[in-house]
PDB file of all heavy atoms in Angstrom:
ATOM      1  N   GLU A   1     -39.118 -20.054  58.996  1.00  0.00           N
ATOM      2  CA  GLU A   1     -38.496 -21.072  58.197  1.00  0.00           C
ATOM      3  C   GLU A   1     -38.239 -22.351  59.061  1.00  0.00           C
ATOM      4  O   GLU A   1     -38.350 -23.409  58.618  1.00  0.00           O
ATOM      5  CB  GLU A   1     -37.170 -20.586  57.671  1.00  0.00           C
ATOM      6  CG  GLU A   1     -36.522 -21.639  56.681  1.00  0.00           C
ATOM      7  CD  GLU A   1     -35.212 -21.045  56.131  1.00  0.00           C
ATOM      8  OE1 GLU A   1     -34.586 -20.176  56.832  1.00  0.00           O
ATOM      9  OE2 GLU A   1     -34.801 -21.536  55.055  1.00  0.00           O
ATOM     10  N   ALA A   2     -37.950 -22.115  60.330  1.00  0.00           N
ATOM     11  CA  ALA A   2     -37.663 -23.188  61.288  1.00  0.00           C
ATOM     12  C   ALA A   2     -38.950 -23.723  61.876  1.00  0.00           C
ATOM     13  O   ALA A   2     -38.936 -24.589  62.848  1.00  0.00           O
ATOM     14  CB  ALA A   2     -36.740 -22.759  62.346  1.00  0.00           C
ATOM     15  N   ASN A   3     -40.172 -23.270  61.410  1.00  0.00           N
ATOM     16  CA  ASN A   3     -41.454 -23.765  61.959  1.00  0.00           C
ATOM     17  C   ASN A   3     -41.600 -23.536  63.458  1.00  0.00           C
ATOM     18  O   ASN A   3     -42.132 -24.343  64.170  1.00  0.00           O
ATOM     19  CB  ASN A   3     -41.623 -25.271  61.594  1.00  0.00           C
ATOM     20  CG  ASN A   3     -41.702 -25.446  60.150  1.00  0.00           C
ATOM     21  OD1 ASN A   3     -42.336 -24.688  59.370  1.00  0.00           O
ATOM     22  ND2 ASN A   3     -41.111 -26.592  59.669  1.00  0.00           N
ATOM     23  N   MET A   4     -41.085 -22.311  63.855  1.00  0.00           N
ATOM     24  CA  MET A   4     -41.231 -22.030  65.304  1.00  0.00           C
ATOM     25  C   MET A   4     -42.590 -21.475  65.679  1.00  0.00           C
ATOM     26  O   MET A   4     -42.958 -21.259  66.823  1.00  0.00           O
ATOM     27  CB  MET A   4     -40.119 -21.045  65.723  1.00  0.00           C
ATOM     28  CG  MET A   4     -38.722 -21.642  65.585  1.00  0.00           C
ATOM     29  SD  MET A   4     -37.447 -20.418  66.037  1.00  0.00           S
ATOM     30  CE  MET A   4     -37.769 -20.109  67.728  1.00  0.00           C
ATOM     31  N   ASP A   5     -43.397 -21.115  64.605  1.00  0.00           N
ATOM     32  CA  ASP A   5     -44.704 -20.632  64.868  1.00  0.00           C
ATOM     33  C   ASP A   5     -45.693 -21.789  65.084  1.00  0.00           C
ATOM     34  O   ASP A   5     -46.599 -22.124  64.212  1.00  0.00           O
ATOM     35  CB  ASP A   5     -45.189 -19.769  63.702  1.00  0.00           C
ATOM     36  CG  ASP A   5     -45.100 -20.443  62.325  1.00  0.00           C
ATOM     37  OD1 ASP A   5     -44.159 -21.317  62.253  1.00  0.00           O
ATOM     38  OD2 ASP A   5     -45.899 -20.203  61.441  1.00  0.00           O
ATOM     39  N   SER A   6     -45.457 -22.466  66.118  1.00  0.00           N
ATOM     40  CA  SER A   6     -46.180 -23.758  66.430  1.00  0.00           C
ATOM     41  C   SER A   6     -47.661 -23.517  66.793  1.00  0.00           C
ATOM     42  O   SER A   6     -48.501 -24.396  66.655  1.00  0.00           O
ATOM     43  CB  SER A   6     -45.560 -24.503  67.507  1.00  0.00           C
ATOM     44  OG  SER A   6     -45.411 -23.731  68.604  1.00  0.00           O
ATOM     45  N   THR A   7     -48.011 -22.393  67.242  1.00  0.00           N
ATOM     46  CA  THR A   7     -49.428 -22.113  67.628  1.00  0.00           C
ATOM     47  C   THR A   7     -49.935 -20.881  66.839  1.00  0.00           C
ATOM     48  O   THR A   7     -49.113 -20.044  66.449  1.00  0.00           O
ATOM     49  CB  THR A   7     -49.528 -21.837  69.124  1.00  0.00           C
ATOM     50  OG1 THR A   7     -48.755 -20.631  69.441  1.00  0.00           O
ATOM     51  CG2 THR A   7     -48.959 -22.972  69.957  1.00  0.00           C
ATOM     52  N   PRO A   8     -51.176 -20.688  66.694  1.00  0.00           N
ATOM     53  CA  PRO A   8     -51.795 -19.514  66.057  1.00  0.00           C
ATOM     54  C   PRO A   8     -51.336 -18.236  66.736  1.00  0.00           C
ATOM     55  O   PRO A   8     -51.147 -17.170  66.122  1.00  0.00           O
ATOM     56  CB  PRO A   8     -53.279 -19.753  66.142  1.00  0.00           C
ATOM     57  CG  PRO A   8     -53.421 -21.254  66.198  1.00  0.00           C
ATOM     58  CD  PRO A   8     -52.189 -21.684  67.052  1.00  0.00           C
ATOM     59  N   GLU A   9     -51.216 -18.307  68.060  1.00  0.00           N
ATOM     60  CA  GLU A   9     -50.846 -17.060  68.816  1.00  0.00           C
ATOM     61  C   GLU A   9     -49.437 -16.637  68.454  1.00  0.00           C
ATOM     62  O   GLU A   9     -49.149 -15.407  68.262  1.00  0.00           O
ATOM     63  CB  GLU A   9     -50.931 -17.340  70.343  1.00  0.00           C
ATOM     64  CG  GLU A   9     -52.337 -17.491  70.892  1.00  0.00           C
ATOM     65  CD  GLU A   9     -52.925 -18.904  70.538  1.00  0.00           C
ATOM     66  OE1 GLU A   9     -52.159 -19.765  70.131  1.00  0.00           O
ATOM     67  OE2 GLU A   9     -54.087 -19.159  70.778  1.00  0.00           O
ATOM     68  N   LYS A  10     -48.508 -17.621  68.367  1.00  0.00           N
ATOM     69  CA  LYS A  10     -47.127 -17.328  68.040  1.00  0.00           C
ATOM     70  C   LYS A  10     -47.057 -16.816  66.559  1.00  0.00           C
ATOM     71  O   LYS A  10     -46.326 -15.800  66.277  1.00  0.00           O
ATOM     72  CB  LYS A  10     -46.245 -18.527  68.162  1.00  0.00           C
ATOM     73  CG  LYS A  10     -45.917 -18.867  69.563  1.00  0.00           C
ATOM     74  CD  LYS A  10     -44.841 -19.997  69.639  1.00  0.00           C
ATOM     75  CE  LYS A  10     -44.436 -20.261  71.098  1.00  0.00           C
ATOM     76  NZ  LYS A  10     -43.432 -21.378  71.074  1.00  0.00           N
ATOM     77  N   ARG A  11     -47.772 -17.399  65.709  1.00  0.00           N
ATOM     78  CA  ARG A  11     -47.781 -16.935  64.287  1.00  0.00           C
ATOM     79  C   ARG A  11     -48.351 -15.507  64.214  1.00  0.00           C
ATOM     80  O   ARG A  11     -47.759 -14.673  63.498  1.00  0.00           O
ATOM     81  CB  ARG A  11     -48.648 -17.872  63.459  1.00  0.00           C
ATOM     82  CG  ARG A  11     -48.764 -17.395  62.003  1.00  0.00           C
ATOM     83  CD  ARG A  11     -49.537 -18.402  61.142  1.00  0.00           C
ATOM     84  NE  ARG A  11     -48.842 -19.648  61.109  1.00  0.00           N
ATOM     85  CZ  ARG A  11     -49.244 -20.685  60.464  1.00  0.00           C
ATOM     86  NH1 ARG A  11     -50.369 -20.705  59.783  1.00  0.00           N
ATOM     87  NH2 ARG A  11     -48.558 -21.851  60.408  1.00  0.00           N
ATOM     88  N   GLN A  12     -49.396 -15.203  64.896  1.00  0.00           N
ATOM     89  CA  GLN A  12     -49.898 -13.844  64.918  1.00  0.00           C
ATOM     90  C   GLN A  12     -48.938 -12.829  65.479  1.00  0.00           C
ATOM     91  O   GLN A  12     -48.730 -11.757  64.991  1.00  0.00           O
ATOM     92  CB  GLN A  12     -51.232 -13.826  65.736  1.00  0.00           C
ATOM     93  CG  GLN A  12     -51.940 -12.446  65.611  1.00  0.00           C
ATOM     94  CD  GLN A  12     -52.280 -12.034  64.127  1.00  0.00           C
ATOM     95  OE1 GLN A  12     -52.760 -12.803  63.362  1.00  0.00           O
ATOM     96  NE2 GLN A  12     -51.961 -10.766  63.910  1.00  0.00           N
ATOM     97  N   LYS A  13     -48.245 -13.285  66.609  1.00  0.00           N
ATOM     98  CA  LYS A  13     -47.182 -12.376  67.197  1.00  0.00           C
ATOM     99  C   LYS A  13     -46.122 -12.107  66.179  1.00  0.00           C
ATOM    100  O   LYS A  13     -45.679 -11.018  66.047  1.00  0.00           O
ATOM    101  CB  LYS A  13     -46.658 -13.015  68.446  1.00  0.00           C
ATOM    102  CG  LYS A  13     -45.572 -12.280  69.117  1.00  0.00           C
ATOM    103  CD  LYS A  13     -45.027 -12.999  70.371  1.00  0.00           C
ATOM    104  CE  LYS A  13     -43.919 -12.195  70.975  1.00  0.00           C
ATOM    105  NZ  LYS A  13     -43.336 -12.957  72.073  1.00  0.00           N
ATOM    106  N   TYR A  14     -45.604 -13.154  65.466  1.00  0.00           N
ATOM    107  CA  TYR A  14     -44.565 -13.010  64.561  1.00  0.00           C
ATOM    108  C   TYR A  14     -44.954 -12.087  63.482  1.00  0.00           C
ATOM    109  O   TYR A  14     -44.207 -11.199  62.976  1.00  0.00           O
ATOM    110  CB  TYR A  14     -44.147 -14.363  63.934  1.00  0.00           C
ATOM    111  CG  TYR A  14     -43.346 -15.259  65.014  1.00  0.00           C
ATOM    112  CD1 TYR A  14     -43.077 -16.541  64.631  1.00  0.00           C
ATOM    113  CD2 TYR A  14     -43.079 -14.828  66.303  1.00  0.00           C
ATOM    114  CE1 TYR A  14     -42.469 -17.427  65.530  1.00  0.00           C
ATOM    115  CE2 TYR A  14     -42.388 -15.680  67.215  1.00  0.00           C
ATOM    116  CZ  TYR A  14     -42.099 -16.949  66.867  1.00  0.00           C
ATOM    117  OH  TYR A  14     -41.479 -17.746  67.699  1.00  0.00           O
ATOM    118  N   LEU A  15     -46.183 -12.291  62.922  1.00  0.00           N
ATOM    119  CA  LEU A  15     -46.671 -11.397  61.837  1.00  0.00           C
ATOM    120  C   LEU A  15     -46.814  -9.960  62.264  1.00  0.00           C
ATOM    121  O   LEU A  15     -46.466  -9.060  61.553  1.00  0.00           O
ATOM    122  CB  LEU A  15     -48.049 -11.969  61.327  1.00  0.00           C
ATOM    123  CG  LEU A  15     -47.966 -13.280  60.559  1.00  0.00           C
ATOM    124  CD1 LEU A  15     -49.407 -13.784  60.267  1.00  0.00           C
ATOM    125  CD2 LEU A  15     -47.222 -13.160  59.315  1.00  0.00           C
ATOM    126  N   THR A  16     -47.292  -9.835  63.502  1.00  0.00           N
ATOM    127  CA  THR A  16     -47.441  -8.443  64.031  1.00  0.00           C
ATOM    128  C   THR A  16     -46.082  -7.742  64.138  1.00  0.00           C
ATOM    129  O   THR A  16     -45.911  -6.554  63.691  1.00  0.00           O
ATOM    130  CB  THR A  16     -48.103  -8.443  65.432  1.00  0.00           C
ATOM    131  OG1 THR A  16     -49.364  -9.056  65.319  1.00  0.00           O
ATOM    132  CG2 THR A  16     -48.260  -6.989  65.896  1.00  0.00           C
ATOM    133  N   VAL A  17     -45.121  -8.455  64.654  1.00  0.00           N
ATOM    134  CA  VAL A  17     -43.785  -7.840  64.775  1.00  0.00           C
ATOM    135  C   VAL A  17     -43.178  -7.597  63.355  1.00  0.00           C
ATOM    136  O   VAL A  17     -42.570  -6.533  63.158  1.00  0.00           O
ATOM    137  CB  VAL A  17     -42.856  -8.815  65.563  1.00  0.00           C
ATOM    138  CG1 VAL A  17     -41.351  -8.276  65.489  1.00  0.00           C
ATOM    139  CG2 VAL A  17     -43.290  -8.976  67.011  1.00  0.00           C
ATOM    140  N   LEU A  18     -43.402  -8.481  62.416  1.00  0.00           N
ATOM    141  CA  LEU A  18     -42.825  -8.223  61.092  1.00  0.00           C
ATOM    142  C   LEU A  18     -43.489  -6.999  60.424  1.00  0.00           C
ATOM    143  O   LEU A  18     -42.769  -6.181  59.800  1.00  0.00           O
ATOM    144  CB  LEU A  18     -43.173  -9.539  60.208  1.00  0.00           C
ATOM    145  CG  LEU A  18     -42.249 -10.703  60.400  1.00  0.00           C
ATOM    146  CD1 LEU A  18     -42.809 -11.906  59.611  1.00  0.00           C
ATOM    147  CD2 LEU A  18     -40.847 -10.389  59.984  1.00  0.00           C
ATOM    148  N   MET A  19     -44.776  -6.846  60.643  1.00  0.00           N
ATOM    149  CA  MET A  19     -45.459  -5.644  60.068  1.00  0.00           C
ATOM    150  C   MET A  19     -44.939  -4.368  60.696  1.00  0.00           C
ATOM    151  O   MET A  19     -44.698  -3.348  60.030  1.00  0.00           O
ATOM    152  CB  MET A  19     -46.941  -5.798  60.184  1.00  0.00           C
ATOM    153  CG  MET A  19     -47.544  -6.782  59.242  1.00  0.00           C
ATOM    154  SD  MET A  19     -49.343  -6.813  59.210  1.00  0.00           S
ATOM    155  CE  MET A  19     -49.674  -7.523  60.850  1.00  0.00           C
ATOM    156  N   GLU A  20     -44.747  -4.428  62.007  1.00  0.00           N
ATOM    157  CA  GLU A  20     -44.240  -3.255  62.752  1.00  0.00           C
ATOM    158  C   GLU A  20     -42.753  -2.870  62.289  1.00  0.00           C
ATOM    159  O   GLU A  20     -42.479  -1.697  62.062  1.00  0.00           O
ATOM    160  CB  GLU A  20     -44.215  -3.504  64.241  1.00  0.00           C
ATOM    161  CG  GLU A  20     -45.608  -3.567  64.879  1.00  0.00           C
ATOM    162  CD  GLU A  20     -45.523  -3.934  66.356  1.00  0.00           C
ATOM    163  OE1 GLU A  20     -44.414  -4.225  66.784  1.00  0.00           O
ATOM    164  OE2 GLU A  20     -46.600  -3.863  67.043  1.00  0.00           O
ATOM    165  N   LYS A  21     -41.974  -3.922  62.082  1.00  0.00           N
ATOM    166  CA  LYS A  21     -40.643  -3.643  61.631  1.00  0.00           C
ATOM    167  C   LYS A  21     -40.640  -3.132  60.184  1.00  0.00           C
ATOM    168  O   LYS A  21     -39.803  -2.303  59.872  1.00  0.00           O
ATOM    169  CB  LYS A  21     -39.818  -4.951  61.744  1.00  0.00           C
ATOM    170  CG  LYS A  21     -39.526  -5.399  63.167  1.00  0.00           C
ATOM    171  CD  LYS A  21     -38.970  -4.317  64.036  1.00  0.00           C
ATOM    172  CE  LYS A  21     -38.890  -4.780  65.488  1.00  0.00           C
ATOM    173  NZ  LYS A  21     -38.394  -3.653  66.386  1.00  0.00           N
ATOM    174  N   CYS A  22     -41.532  -3.659  59.408  1.00  0.00           N
ATOM    175  CA  CYS A  22     -41.587  -3.164  57.983  1.00  0.00           C
ATOM    176  C   CYS A  22     -42.049  -1.667  58.002  1.00  0.00           C
ATOM    177  O   CYS A  22     -41.562  -0.881  57.198  1.00  0.00           O
ATOM    178  CB  CYS A  22     -42.635  -3.950  57.171  1.00  0.00           C
ATOM    179  SG  CYS A  22     -42.049  -5.626  56.768  1.00  0.00           S
ATOM    180  N   ASP A  23     -42.986  -1.352  58.914  1.00  0.00           N
ATOM    181  CA  ASP A  23     -43.315   0.089  59.047  1.00  0.00           C
ATOM    182  C   ASP A  23     -42.215   0.930  59.438  1.00  0.00           C
ATOM    183  O   ASP A  23     -42.075   2.066  58.970  1.00  0.00           O
ATOM    184  CB  ASP A  23     -44.503   0.186  60.053  1.00  0.00           C
ATOM    185  CG  ASP A  23     -45.817  -0.406  59.549  1.00  0.00           C
ATOM    186  OD1 ASP A  23     -45.981  -0.574  58.301  1.00  0.00           O
ATOM    187  OD2 ASP A  23     -46.667  -0.765  60.413  1.00  0.00           O
ATOM    188  N   GLU A  24     -41.377   0.465  60.361  1.00  0.00           N
ATOM    189  CA  GLU A  24     -40.180   1.212  60.792  1.00  0.00           C
ATOM    190  C   GLU A  24     -39.228   1.443  59.632  1.00  0.00           C
ATOM    191  O   GLU A  24     -38.746   2.567  59.439  1.00  0.00           O
ATOM    192  CB  GLU A  24     -39.460   0.430  61.925  1.00  0.00           C
ATOM    193  CG  GLU A  24     -40.187   0.469  63.240  1.00  0.00           C
ATOM    194  CD  GLU A  24     -39.357  -0.224  64.326  1.00  0.00           C
ATOM    195  OE1 GLU A  24     -38.100  -0.179  64.185  1.00  0.00           O
ATOM    196  OE2 GLU A  24     -39.912  -0.694  65.286  1.00  0.00           O
ATOM    197  N   VAL A  25     -39.002   0.376  58.802  1.00  0.00           N
ATOM    198  CA  VAL A  25     -38.149   0.595  57.665  1.00  0.00           C
ATOM    199  C   VAL A  25     -38.736   1.581  56.684  1.00  0.00           C
ATOM    200  O   VAL A  25     -38.050   2.401  56.075  1.00  0.00           O
ATOM    201  CB  VAL A  25     -37.944  -0.829  56.958  1.00  0.00           C
ATOM    202  CG1 VAL A  25     -37.153  -0.604  55.651  1.00  0.00           C
ATOM    203  CG2 VAL A  25     -37.159  -1.775  57.879  1.00  0.00           C
ATOM    204  N   THR A  26     -40.030   1.488  56.481  1.00  0.00           N
ATOM    205  CA  THR A  26     -40.724   2.442  55.528  1.00  0.00           C
ATOM    206  C   THR A  26     -40.530   3.845  56.046  1.00  0.00           C
ATOM    207  O   THR A  26     -40.262   4.788  55.254  1.00  0.00           O
ATOM    208  CB  THR A  26     -42.230   2.075  55.463  1.00  0.00           C
ATOM    209  OG1 THR A  26     -42.398   0.784  55.018  1.00  0.00           O
ATOM    210  CG2 THR A  26     -42.952   3.080  54.536  1.00  0.00           C
ATOM    211  N   LYS A  27     -40.726   4.068  57.330  1.00  0.00           N
ATOM    212  CA  LYS A  27     -40.547   5.426  57.905  1.00  0.00           C
ATOM    213  C   LYS A  27     -39.110   5.903  57.688  1.00  0.00           C
ATOM    214  O   LYS A  27     -38.905   7.081  57.322  1.00  0.00           O
ATOM    215  CB  LYS A  27     -40.999   5.445  59.367  1.00  0.00           C
ATOM    216  CG  LYS A  27     -40.859   6.836  59.928  1.00  0.00           C
ATOM    217  CD  LYS A  27     -41.067   6.826  61.434  1.00  0.00           C
ATOM    218  CE  LYS A  27     -40.907   8.250  61.978  1.00  0.00           C
ATOM    219  NZ  LYS A  27     -39.666   8.822  61.727  1.00  0.00           N
ATOM    220  N   LEU A  28     -38.154   5.039  57.952  1.00  0.00           N
ATOM    221  CA  LEU A  28     -36.763   5.514  57.841  1.00  0.00           C
ATOM    222  C   LEU A  28     -36.381   5.785  56.410  1.00  0.00           C
ATOM    223  O   LEU A  28     -35.735   6.727  56.148  1.00  0.00           O
ATOM    224  CB  LEU A  28     -35.846   4.402  58.435  1.00  0.00           C
ATOM    225  CG  LEU A  28     -35.902   4.257  59.977  1.00  0.00           C
ATOM    226  CD1 LEU A  28     -35.166   2.985  60.431  1.00  0.00           C
ATOM    227  CD2 LEU A  28     -35.298   5.405  60.653  1.00  0.00           C
ATOM    228  N   THR A  29     -36.835   4.930  55.448  1.00  0.00           N
ATOM    229  CA  THR A  29     -36.566   5.239  54.077  1.00  0.00           C
ATOM    230  C   THR A  29     -37.280   6.497  53.599  1.00  0.00           C
ATOM    231  O   THR A  29     -36.781   7.243  52.791  1.00  0.00           O
ATOM    232  CB  THR A  29     -37.015   4.003  53.149  1.00  0.00           C
ATOM    233  OG1 THR A  29     -38.340   3.671  53.472  1.00  0.00           O
ATOM    234  CG2 THR A  29     -36.156   2.822  53.505  1.00  0.00           C
ATOM    235  N   ASN A  30     -38.503   6.766  54.132  1.00  0.00           N
ATOM    236  CA  ASN A  30     -39.227   7.973  53.826  1.00  0.00           C
ATOM    237  C   ASN A  30     -38.424   9.178  54.358  1.00  0.00           C
ATOM    238  O   ASN A  30     -38.305  10.184  53.585  1.00  0.00           O
ATOM    239  CB  ASN A  30     -40.573   8.018  54.524  1.00  0.00           C
ATOM    240  CG  ASN A  30     -41.556   7.152  53.735  1.00  0.00           C
ATOM    241  OD1 ASN A  30     -41.309   6.782  52.547  1.00  0.00           O
ATOM    242  ND2 ASN A  30     -42.626   6.779  54.435  1.00  0.00           N
ATOM    243  N   ASP A  31     -37.821   9.060  55.585  1.00  0.00           N
ATOM    244  CA  ASP A  31     -36.991  10.189  56.047  1.00  0.00           C
ATOM    245  C   ASP A  31     -35.831  10.381  55.109  1.00  0.00           C
ATOM    246  O   ASP A  31     -35.440  11.558  54.846  1.00  0.00           O
ATOM    247  CB  ASP A  31     -36.529   9.802  57.456  1.00  0.00           C
ATOM    248  CG  ASP A  31     -37.601  10.081  58.462  1.00  0.00           C
ATOM    249  OD1 ASP A  31     -38.632  10.610  58.120  1.00  0.00           O
ATOM    250  OD2 ASP A  31     -37.451   9.555  59.622  1.00  0.00           O
ATOM    251  N   LEU A  32     -35.193   9.302  54.705  1.00  0.00           N
ATOM    252  CA  LEU A  32     -34.030   9.443  53.809  1.00  0.00           C
ATOM    253  C   LEU A  32     -34.415  10.077  52.508  1.00  0.00           C
ATOM    254  O   LEU A  32     -33.736  10.914  51.981  1.00  0.00           O
ATOM    255  CB  LEU A  32     -33.412   8.074  53.586  1.00  0.00           C
ATOM    256  CG  LEU A  32     -32.085   7.983  52.757  1.00  0.00           C
ATOM    257  CD1 LEU A  32     -30.980   8.795  53.509  1.00  0.00           C
ATOM    258  CD2 LEU A  32     -31.670   6.504  52.573  1.00  0.00           C
ATOM    259  N   PHE A  33     -35.589   9.697  51.971  1.00  0.00           N
ATOM    260  CA  PHE A  33     -36.062  10.238  50.718  1.00  0.00           C
ATOM    261  C   PHE A  33     -36.321  11.757  50.866  1.00  0.00           C
ATOM    262  O   PHE A  33     -35.972  12.507  50.038  1.00  0.00           O
ATOM    263  CB  PHE A  33     -37.288   9.504  50.283  1.00  0.00           C
ATOM    264  CG  PHE A  33     -37.955  10.117  49.074  1.00  0.00           C
ATOM    265  CD1 PHE A  33     -37.354  10.071  47.814  1.00  0.00           C
ATOM    266  CD2 PHE A  33     -39.192  10.756  49.244  1.00  0.00           C
ATOM    267  CE1 PHE A  33     -38.037  10.672  46.760  1.00  0.00           C
ATOM    268  CE2 PHE A  33     -39.836  11.339  48.138  1.00  0.00           C
ATOM    269  CZ  PHE A  33     -39.189  11.267  46.837  1.00  0.00           C
ATOM    270  N   LEU A  34     -37.073  12.058  51.933  1.00  0.00           N
ATOM    271  CA  LEU A  34     -37.384  13.491  52.240  1.00  0.00           C
ATOM    272  C   LEU A  34     -36.118  14.312  52.388  1.00  0.00           C
ATOM    273  O   LEU A  34     -36.032  15.458  51.948  1.00  0.00           O
ATOM    274  CB  LEU A  34     -38.239  13.603  53.432  1.00  0.00           C
ATOM    275  CG  LEU A  34     -39.675  13.159  53.231  1.00  0.00           C
ATOM    276  CD1 LEU A  34     -40.381  13.092  54.589  1.00  0.00           C
ATOM    277  CD2 LEU A  34     -40.435  14.001  52.221  1.00  0.00           C
ATOM    278  N   HIS A  35     -35.149  13.721  53.087  1.00  0.00           N
ATOM    279  CA  HIS A  35     -33.839  14.452  53.264  1.00  0.00           C
ATOM    280  C   HIS A  35     -33.254  14.747  51.868  1.00  0.00           C
ATOM    281  O   HIS A  35     -32.724  15.809  51.658  1.00  0.00           O
ATOM    282  CB  HIS A  35     -32.886  13.538  54.089  1.00  0.00           C
ATOM    283  CG  HIS A  35     -31.473  14.012  54.109  1.00  0.00           C
ATOM    284  ND1 HIS A  35     -31.072  15.198  54.521  1.00  0.00           N
ATOM    285  CD2 HIS A  35     -30.341  13.419  53.582  1.00  0.00           C
ATOM    286  CE1 HIS A  35     -29.768  15.412  54.353  1.00  0.00           C
ATOM    287  NE2 HIS A  35     -29.325  14.294  53.766  1.00  0.00           N
ATOM    288  N   SER A  36     -33.234  13.725  50.974  1.00  0.00           N
ATOM    289  CA  SER A  36     -32.592  13.935  49.706  1.00  0.00           C
ATOM    290  C   SER A  36     -33.323  14.950  48.830  1.00  0.00           C
ATOM    291  O   SER A  36     -32.674  15.754  48.226  1.00  0.00           O
ATOM    292  CB  SER A  36     -32.497  12.592  48.954  1.00  0.00           C
ATOM    293  OG  SER A  36     -33.829  12.092  48.765  1.00  0.00           O
ATOM    294  N   ILE A  37     -34.631  14.932  48.897  1.00  0.00           N
ATOM    295  CA  ILE A  37     -35.379  15.896  48.023  1.00  0.00           C
ATOM    296  C   ILE A  37     -35.325  17.263  48.657  1.00  0.00           C
ATOM    297  O   ILE A  37     -35.385  18.282  47.893  1.00  0.00           O
ATOM    298  CB  ILE A  37     -36.827  15.419  47.728  1.00  0.00           C
ATOM    299  CG1 ILE A  37     -37.605  15.345  49.040  1.00  0.00           C
ATOM    300  CG2 ILE A  37     -36.886  14.141  47.027  1.00  0.00           C
ATOM    301  CD1 ILE A  37     -39.050  15.071  48.769  1.00  0.00           C
ATOM    302  N   SER A  38     -35.237  17.369  49.942  1.00  0.00           N
ATOM    303  CA  SER A  38     -35.172  18.674  50.559  1.00  0.00           C
ATOM    304  C   SER A  38     -33.770  19.304  50.295  1.00  0.00           C
ATOM    305  O   SER A  38     -33.728  20.545  50.165  1.00  0.00           O
ATOM    306  CB  SER A  38     -35.366  18.580  52.129  1.00  0.00           C
ATOM    307  OG  SER A  38     -34.300  17.880  52.683  1.00  0.00           O
ATOM    308  N   GLU A  39     -32.800  18.480  50.076  1.00  0.00           N
ATOM    309  CA  GLU A  39     -31.433  19.007  49.705  1.00  0.00           C
ATOM    310  C   GLU A  39     -31.516  19.608  48.286  1.00  0.00           C
ATOM    311  O   GLU A  39     -30.838  20.587  47.925  1.00  0.00           O
ATOM    312  CB  GLU A  39     -30.458  17.936  49.753  1.00  0.00           C
ATOM    313  CG  GLU A  39     -29.881  17.542  51.089  1.00  0.00           C
ATOM    314  CD  GLU A  39     -29.142  18.714  51.720  1.00  0.00           C
ATOM    315  OE1 GLU A  39     -28.280  19.308  50.969  1.00  0.00           O
ATOM    316  OE2 GLU A  39     -29.464  19.081  52.819  1.00  0.00           O
ATOM    317  N   MET A  40     -32.368  19.054  47.449  1.00  0.00           N
ATOM    318  CA  MET A  40     -32.469  19.517  46.115  1.00  0.00           C
ATOM    319  C   MET A  40     -33.638  20.517  45.952  1.00  0.00           C
ATOM    320  O   MET A  40     -34.013  20.893  44.854  1.00  0.00           O
ATOM    321  CB  MET A  40     -32.778  18.368  45.158  1.00  0.00           C
ATOM    322  CG  MET A  40     -31.638  17.368  45.134  1.00  0.00           C
ATOM    323  SD  MET A  40     -31.906  16.031  43.908  1.00  0.00           S
ATOM    324  CE  MET A  40     -33.189  15.125  44.719  1.00  0.00           C
ATOM    325  N   ASN A  41     -34.234  20.957  47.055  1.00  0.00           N
ATOM    326  CA  ASN A  41     -35.340  21.941  47.072  1.00  0.00           C
ATOM    327  C   ASN A  41     -36.464  21.492  46.248  1.00  0.00           C
ATOM    328  O   ASN A  41     -37.045  22.251  45.421  1.00  0.00           O
ATOM    329  CB  ASN A  41     -34.823  23.300  46.591  1.00  0.00           C
ATOM    330  CG  ASN A  41     -33.872  23.936  47.572  1.00  0.00           C
ATOM    331  OD1 ASN A  41     -34.031  23.836  48.743  1.00  0.00           O
ATOM    332  ND2 ASN A  41     -32.858  24.572  46.991  1.00  0.00           N
ATOM    333  N   LYS A  42     -36.849  20.171  46.310  1.00  0.00           N
ATOM    334  CA  LYS A  42     -37.902  19.539  45.525  1.00  0.00           C
ATOM    335  C   LYS A  42     -39.102  19.063  46.349  1.00  0.00           C
ATOM    336  O   LYS A  42     -39.733  18.187  46.062  1.00  0.00           O
ATOM    337  CB  LYS A  42     -37.360  18.383  44.666  1.00  0.00           C
ATOM    338  CG  LYS A  42     -36.431  18.879  43.545  1.00  0.00           C
ATOM    339  CD  LYS A  42     -36.017  17.720  42.649  1.00  0.00           C
ATOM    340  CE  LYS A  42     -35.165  18.229  41.572  1.00  0.00           C
ATOM    341  NZ  LYS A  42     -34.674  17.134  40.680  1.00  0.00           N
ATOM    342  N   LEU A  43     -39.229  19.772  47.529  1.00  0.00           N
ATOM    343  CA  LEU A  43     -40.415  19.471  48.402  1.00  0.00           C
ATOM    344  C   LEU A  43     -41.596  20.215  47.737  1.00  0.00           C
ATOM    345  O   LEU A  43     -42.072  21.272  48.222  1.00  0.00           O
ATOM    346  CB  LEU A  43     -40.131  19.910  49.793  1.00  0.00           C
ATOM    347  CG  LEU A  43     -39.307  18.991  50.720  1.00  0.00           C
ATOM    348  CD1 LEU A  43     -38.971  19.691  51.965  1.00  0.00           C
ATOM    349  CD2 LEU A  43     -39.972  17.676  50.927  1.00  0.00           C
ATOM    350  N   ASP A  44     -42.108  19.697  46.644  1.00  0.00           N
ATOM    351  CA  ASP A  44     -43.150  20.362  45.931  1.00  0.00           C
ATOM    352  C   ASP A  44     -44.500  20.182  46.601  1.00  0.00           C
ATOM    353  O   ASP A  44     -44.659  19.189  47.296  1.00  0.00           O
ATOM    354  CB  ASP A  44     -43.258  19.780  44.473  1.00  0.00           C
ATOM    355  CG  ASP A  44     -41.963  20.050  43.644  1.00  0.00           C
ATOM    356  OD1 ASP A  44     -41.375  21.094  43.955  1.00  0.00           O
ATOM    357  OD2 ASP A  44     -41.656  19.189  42.848  1.00  0.00           O
ATOM    358  N   VAL A  45     -45.343  21.113  46.436  1.00  0.00           N
ATOM    359  CA  VAL A  45     -46.663  21.062  46.978  1.00  0.00           C
ATOM    360  C   VAL A  45     -47.688  21.314  45.827  1.00  0.00           C
ATOM    361  O   VAL A  45     -47.392  22.108  44.941  1.00  0.00           O
ATOM    362  CB  VAL A  45     -46.982  22.073  48.092  1.00  0.00           C
ATOM    363  CG1 VAL A  45     -46.024  21.777  49.238  1.00  0.00           C
ATOM    364  CG2 VAL A  45     -46.694  23.523  47.604  1.00  0.00           C
TER     365      VAL A  45
END
């Protein structure tokens, strides 16, 4: 928002970090989801 991605390298770096952090959030929410369904014995196969 502050236009700190002044060069293509910085922009790519910011995008890479954002995607990595999104992946971390996805993994953590998956853990939370698996925890909840395992409590209800709904780990279906």
